[in-house]
Every structure is written in structure tokens, then in C-alpha cells.
């Protein structure tokens, strides 16, 4: 008796691969989500400088 399990094995492997990829993406997003206080301060300073430069250019 010959058992044909080819398509079901590929379906299982594909499902596991999709789940692993989704977990890797979620891990990467969660790991890079928060900025340090120093990075936040630099961003805020650059934003303020940009707004001030735009205000100077308008006048």
C-alpha cells in the first residue's frame, strides 16, 4: 500500500513557514519600537530647528 502525503506535508511546512515569518516580523517591530530618551531629545531638537527655519524663511 502506497501512502501519498506530499501535498499535506507541503501545506504543513508552508503554514509553519508563514507563522515563523510573522513571528520574526513581530519580534523585529517590537524590538525597534521604543527610542531611548537621548534619541527622543535629538528628534525633538531637530524638529524645533526645522520649524524655526521654516518660520524664518516665510518672513
PDB file of N, CA and C in Angstrom:
ATOM      1  N   UNK A   1       0.841  -1.170   0.000  1.00  0.00           N
ATOM      2  CA  UNK A   1       0.000   0.000   0.000  1.00  0.00           C
ATOM      3  C   UNK A   1       0.893   1.244   0.000  1.00  0.00           C
ATOM      4  N   UNK A   2       0.581   2.165  -0.884  1.00  0.00           N
ATOM      5  CA  UNK A   2       1.380   3.375  -1.047  1.00  0.00           C
ATOM      6  C   UNK A   2       0.618   4.569  -0.463  1.00  0.00           C
ATOM      7  N   UNK A   3       1.291   5.305   0.395  1.00  0.00           N
ATOM      8  CA  UNK A   3       0.663   6.465   1.027  1.00  0.00           C
ATOM      9  C   UNK A   3       1.144   7.720   0.321  1.00  0.00           C
ATOM     10  N   UNK A   4       0.219   8.556  -0.124  1.00  0.00           N
ATOM     11  CA  UNK A   4       0.575   9.813  -0.769  1.00  0.00           C
ATOM     12  C   UNK A   4       0.290  10.953   0.209  1.00  0.00           C
ATOM     13  N   UNK A   5       1.370  11.474   0.777  1.00  0.00           N
ATOM     14  CA  UNK A   5       1.204  12.554   1.743  1.00  0.00           C
ATOM     15  C   UNK A   5       1.950  13.810   1.309  1.00  0.00           C
ATOM     16  N   UNK A   6       2.311  13.875   0.050  1.00  0.00           N
ATOM     17  CA  UNK A   6       3.071  15.010  -0.456  1.00  0.00           C
ATOM     18  C   UNK A   6       2.404  16.350  -0.266  1.00  0.00           C
ATOM     19  N   UNK A   7       1.211  16.541  -0.787  1.00  0.00           N
ATOM     20  CA  UNK A   7       0.570  17.853  -0.661  1.00  0.00           C
ATOM     21  C   UNK A   7       0.316  18.267   0.791  1.00  0.00           C
ATOM     22  N   UNK A   8      -0.039  17.328   1.652  1.00  0.00           N
ATOM     23  CA  UNK A   8      -0.315  17.703   3.040  1.00  0.00           C
ATOM     24  C   UNK A   8       0.968  18.103   3.767  1.00  0.00           C
ATOM     25  N   UNK A   9       2.078  17.466   3.453  1.00  0.00           N
ATOM     26  CA  UNK A   9       3.353  17.844   4.074  1.00  0.00           C
ATOM     27  C   UNK A   9       3.735  19.253   3.635  1.00  0.00           C
ATOM     28  N   UNK A  10       3.568  19.568   2.364  1.00  0.00           N
ATOM     29  CA  UNK A  10       3.896  20.914   1.890  1.00  0.00           C
ATOM     30  C   UNK A  10       2.993  21.955   2.528  1.00  0.00           C
ATOM     31  N   UNK A  11       1.738  21.627   2.733  1.00  0.00           N
ATOM     32  CA  UNK A  11       0.818  22.550   3.376  1.00  0.00           C
ATOM     33  C   UNK A  11       1.246  22.815   4.820  1.00  0.00           C
ATOM     34  N   UNK A  12       1.647  21.781   5.525  1.00  0.00           N
ATOM     35  CA  UNK A  12       2.111  21.946   6.905  1.00  0.00           C
ATOM     36  C   UNK A  12       3.383  22.776   6.935  1.00  0.00           C
ATOM     37  N   UNK A  13       4.341  22.483   6.056  1.00  0.00           N
ATOM     38  CA  UNK A  13       5.592  23.240   6.026  1.00  0.00           C
ATOM     39  C   UNK A  13       5.355  24.702   5.645  1.00  0.00           C
ATOM     40  N   UNK A  14       4.468  24.938   4.716  1.00  0.00           N
ATOM     41  CA  UNK A  14       4.141  26.307   4.317  1.00  0.00           C
ATOM     42  C   UNK A  14       3.500  27.072   5.470  1.00  0.00           C
ATOM     43  N   UNK A  15       2.609  26.425   6.187  1.00  0.00           N
ATOM     44  CA  UNK A  15       1.955  27.059   7.331  1.00  0.00           C
ATOM     45  C   UNK A  15       2.977  27.392   8.416  1.00  0.00           C
ATOM     46  N   UNK A  16       3.868  26.468   8.706  1.00  0.00           N
ATOM     47  CA  UNK A  16       4.912  26.717   9.704  1.00  0.00           C
ATOM     48  C   UNK A  16       5.816  27.854   9.248  1.00  0.00           C
ATOM     49  N   UNK A  17       6.145  27.898   7.973  1.00  0.00           N
ATOM     50  CA  UNK A  17       6.985  28.976   7.459  1.00  0.00           C
ATOM     51  C   UNK A  17       6.332  30.335   7.571  1.00  0.00           C
ATOM     52  N   UNK A  18       5.055  30.416   7.271  1.00  0.00           N
ATOM     53  CA  UNK A  18       4.327  31.680   7.371  1.00  0.00           C
ATOM     54  C   UNK A  18       4.264  32.135   8.823  1.00  0.00           C
ATOM     55  N   UNK A  19       4.017  31.215   9.725  1.00  0.00           N
ATOM     56  CA  UNK A  19       3.960  31.562  11.153  1.00  0.00           C
ATOM     57  C   UNK A  19       5.328  32.029  11.638  1.00  0.00           C
ATOM     58  N   UNK A  20       6.398  31.336  11.230  1.00  0.00           N
ATOM     59  CA  UNK A  20       7.741  31.737  11.637  1.00  0.00           C
ATOM     60  C   UNK A  20       8.098  33.123  11.101  1.00  0.00           C
ATOM     61  N   UNK A  21       7.729  33.398   9.865  1.00  0.00           N
ATOM     62  CA  UNK A  21       7.994  34.715   9.281  1.00  0.00           C
ATOM     63  C   UNK A  21       7.210  35.803  10.015  1.00  0.00           C
ATOM     64  N   UNK A  22       5.967  35.532  10.331  1.00  0.00           N
ATOM     65  CA  UNK A  22       5.145  36.508  11.061  1.00  0.00           C
ATOM     66  C   UNK A  22       5.736  36.779  12.442  1.00  0.00           C
ATOM     67  N   UNK A  23       6.193  35.748  13.126  1.00  0.00           N
ATOM     68  CA  UNK A  23       6.805  35.933  14.438  1.00  0.00           C
ATOM     69  C   UNK A  23       8.090  36.750  14.342  1.00  0.00           C
ATOM     70  N   UNK A  24       8.880  36.518  13.295  1.00  0.00           N
ATOM     71  CA  UNK A  24      10.108  37.282  13.106  1.00  0.00           C
ATOM     72  C   UNK A  24       9.805  38.754  12.851  1.00  0.00           C
ATOM     73  N   UNK A  25       8.781  39.034  12.069  1.00  0.00           N
ATOM     74  CA  UNK A  25       8.403  40.427  11.792  1.00  0.00           C
ATOM     75  C   UNK A  25       7.911  41.101  13.072  1.00  0.00           C
ATOM     76  N   UNK A  26       7.071  40.424  13.837  1.00  0.00           N
ATOM     77  CA  UNK A  26       6.562  40.987  15.090  1.00  0.00           C
ATOM     78  C   UNK A  26       7.713  41.236  16.059  1.00  0.00           C
ATOM     79  N   UNK A  27       8.634  40.293  16.160  1.00  0.00           N
ATOM     80  CA  UNK A  27       9.792  40.461  17.044  1.00  0.00           C
ATOM     81  C   UNK A  27      10.616  41.671  16.624  1.00  0.00           C
ATOM     82  N   UNK A  28      10.865  41.822  15.342  1.00  0.00           N
ATOM     83  CA  UNK A  28      11.638  42.956  14.860  1.00  0.00           C
ATOM     84  C   UNK A  28      10.953  44.284  15.124  1.00  0.00           C
ATOM     85  N   UNK A  29       9.656  44.337  14.935  1.00  0.00           N
ATOM     86  CA  UNK A  29       8.915  45.574  15.181  1.00  0.00           C
ATOM     87  C   UNK A  29       8.931  45.912  16.672  1.00  0.00           C
ATOM     88  N   UNK A  30       8.698  44.936  17.510  1.00  0.00           N
ATOM     89  CA  UNK A  30       8.672  45.194  18.947  1.00  0.00           C
ATOM     90  C   UNK A  30      10.056  45.577  19.469  1.00  0.00           C
ATOM     91  N   UNK A  31      11.086  45.014  18.898  1.00  0.00           N
ATOM     92  CA  UNK A  31      12.448  45.301  19.357  1.00  0.00           C
ATOM     93  C   UNK A  31      12.866  46.717  18.984  1.00  0.00           C
ATOM     94  N   UNK A  32      12.424  47.220  17.863  1.00  0.00           N
ATOM     95  CA  UNK A  32      12.846  48.531  17.394  1.00  0.00           C
ATOM     96  C   UNK A  32      11.813  49.626  17.649  1.00  0.00           C
ATOM     97  N   UNK A  33      10.785  49.334  18.363  1.00  0.00           N
ATOM     98  CA  UNK A  33       9.700  50.285  18.548  1.00  0.00           C
ATOM     99  C   UNK A  33      10.091  51.459  19.446  1.00  0.00           C
ATOM    100  N   UNK A  34      10.680  51.205  20.593  1.00  0.00           N
ATOM    101  CA  UNK A  34      10.951  52.259  21.565  1.00  0.00           C
ATOM    102  C   UNK A  34      12.294  52.927  21.317  1.00  0.00           C
ATOM    103  N   UNK A  35      12.289  54.255  21.443  1.00  0.00           N
ATOM    104  CA  UNK A  35      13.526  55.010  21.312  1.00  0.00           C
ATOM    105  C   UNK A  35      14.027  55.366  22.695  1.00  0.00           C
ATOM    106  N   UNK A  36      15.325  55.582  22.810  1.00  0.00           N
ATOM    107  CA  UNK A  36      15.904  55.979  24.083  1.00  0.00           C
ATOM    108  C   UNK A  36      15.576  57.447  24.332  1.00  0.00           C
ATOM    109  N   UNK A  37      15.661  57.891  25.585  1.00  0.00           N
ATOM    110  CA  UNK A  37      15.396  59.311  25.867  1.00  0.00           C
ATOM    111  C   UNK A  37      16.333  60.249  25.096  1.00  0.00           C
ATOM    112  N   UNK A  38      17.578  59.837  24.897  1.00  0.00           N
ATOM    113  CA  UNK A  38      18.500  60.664  24.119  1.00  0.00           C
ATOM    114  C   UNK A  38      18.067  60.812  22.678  1.00  0.00           C
ATOM    115  N   UNK A  39      17.592  59.722  22.081  1.00  0.00           N
ATOM    116  CA  UNK A  39      17.109  59.777  20.705  1.00  0.00           C
ATOM    117  C   UNK A  39      15.860  60.655  20.596  1.00  0.00           C
ATOM    118  N   UNK A  40      14.993  60.575  21.596  1.00  0.00           N
ATOM    119  CA  UNK A  40      13.796  61.414  21.590  1.00  0.00           C
ATOM    120  C   UNK A  40      14.177  62.890  21.682  1.00  0.00           C
ATOM    121  N   UNK A  41      15.164  63.209  22.519  1.00  0.00           N
ATOM    122  CA  UNK A  41      15.590  64.604  22.669  1.00  0.00           C
ATOM    123  C   UNK A  41      16.191  65.137  21.376  1.00  0.00           C
ATOM    124  N   UNK A  42      17.003  64.317  20.710  1.00  0.00           N
ATOM    125  CA  UNK A  42      17.601  64.738  19.437  1.00  0.00           C
ATOM    126  C   UNK A  42      16.513  64.974  18.393  1.00  0.00           C
ATOM    127  N   UNK A  43      15.531  64.100  18.341  1.00  0.00           N
ATOM    128  CA  UNK A  43      14.434  64.253  17.381  1.00  0.00           C
ATOM    129  C   UNK A  43      13.651  65.535  17.652  1.00  0.00           C
ATOM    130  N   UNK A  44      13.343  65.777  18.916  1.00  0.00           N
ATOM    131  CA  UNK A  44      12.593  66.984  19.260  1.00  0.00           C
ATOM    132  C   UNK A  44      13.385  68.244  18.920  1.00  0.00           C
ATOM    133  N   UNK A  45      14.672  68.251  19.198  1.00  0.00           N
ATOM    134  CA  UNK A  45      15.501  69.421  18.895  1.00  0.00           C
ATOM    135  C   UNK A  45      15.562  69.664  17.388  1.00  0.00           C
ATOM    136  N   UNK A  46      15.711  68.603  16.623  1.00  0.00           N
ATOM    137  CA  UNK A  46      15.772  68.747  15.163  1.00  0.00           C
ATOM    138  C   UNK A  46      14.431  69.240  14.612  1.00  0.00           C
ATOM    139  N   UNK A  47      13.343  68.763  15.182  1.00  0.00           N
ATOM    140  CA  UNK A  47      12.026  69.215  14.737  1.00  0.00           C
ATOM    141  C   UNK A  47      11.842  70.701  15.029  1.00  0.00           C
ATOM    142  N   UNK A  48      12.213  71.122  16.244  1.00  0.00           N
ATOM    143  CA  UNK A  48      12.106  72.537  16.588  1.00  0.00           C
ATOM    144  C   UNK A  48      12.965  73.388  15.668  1.00  0.00           C
ATOM    145  N   UNK A  49      14.176  72.941  15.377  1.00  0.00           N
ATOM    146  CA  UNK A  49      15.069  73.701  14.493  1.00  0.00           C
ATOM    147  C   UNK A  49      14.478  73.803  13.085  1.00  0.00           C
ATOM    148  N   UNK A  50      13.882  72.734  12.616  1.00  0.00           N
ATOM    149  CA  UNK A  50      13.270  72.749  11.285  1.00  0.00           C
ATOM    150  C   UNK A  50      12.103  73.730  11.233  1.00  0.00           C
ATOM    151  N   UNK A  51      11.251  73.694  12.258  1.00  0.00           N
ATOM    152  CA  UNK A  51      10.123  74.633  12.295  1.00  0.00           C
ATOM    153  C   UNK A  51      10.601  76.075  12.371  1.00  0.00           C
ATOM    154  N   UNK A  52      11.640  76.326  13.158  1.00  0.00           N
ATOM    155  CA  UNK A  52      12.170  77.696  13.261  1.00  0.00           C
ATOM    156  C   UNK A  52      12.754  78.158  11.927  1.00  0.00           C
ATOM    157  N   UNK A  53      13.431  77.260  11.225  1.00  0.00           N
ATOM    158  CA  UNK A  53      13.982  77.609   9.912  1.00  0.00           C
ATOM    159  C   UNK A  53      12.867  77.915   8.915  1.00  0.00           C
ATOM    160  N   UNK A  54      11.790  77.146   8.960  1.00  0.00           N
ATOM    161  CA  UNK A  54      10.661  77.410   8.064  1.00  0.00           C
ATOM    162  C   UNK A  54      10.017  78.754   8.378  1.00  0.00           C
ATOM    163  N   UNK A  55       9.902  79.067   9.679  1.00  0.00           N
ATOM    164  CA  UNK A  55       9.322  80.368  10.061  1.00  0.00           C
ATOM    165  C   UNK A  55      10.209  81.522   9.592  1.00  0.00           C
ATOM    166  N   UNK A  56      11.528  81.367   9.678  1.00  0.00           N
ATOM    167  CA  UNK A  56      12.443  82.410   9.218  1.00  0.00           C
ATOM    168  C   UNK A  56      12.351  82.595   7.708  1.00  0.00           C
ATOM    169  N   UNK A  57      12.185  81.493   6.976  1.00  0.00           N
ATOM    170  CA  UNK A  57      12.104  81.565   5.523  1.00  0.00           C
ATOM    171  C   UNK A  57      10.829  82.254   5.052  1.00  0.00           C
ATOM    172  N   UNK A  58       9.768  82.138   5.811  1.00  0.00           N
ATOM    173  CA  UNK A  58       8.491  82.746   5.411  1.00  0.00           C
ATOM    174  C   UNK A  58       8.516  84.252   5.568  1.00  0.00           C
ATOM    175  N   UNK A  59       9.289  84.748   6.548  1.00  0.00           N
ATOM    176  CA  UNK A  59       9.291  86.194   6.798  1.00  0.00           C
ATOM    177  C   UNK A  59      10.349  86.908   5.996  1.00  0.00           C
TER     178      UNK A  59
END
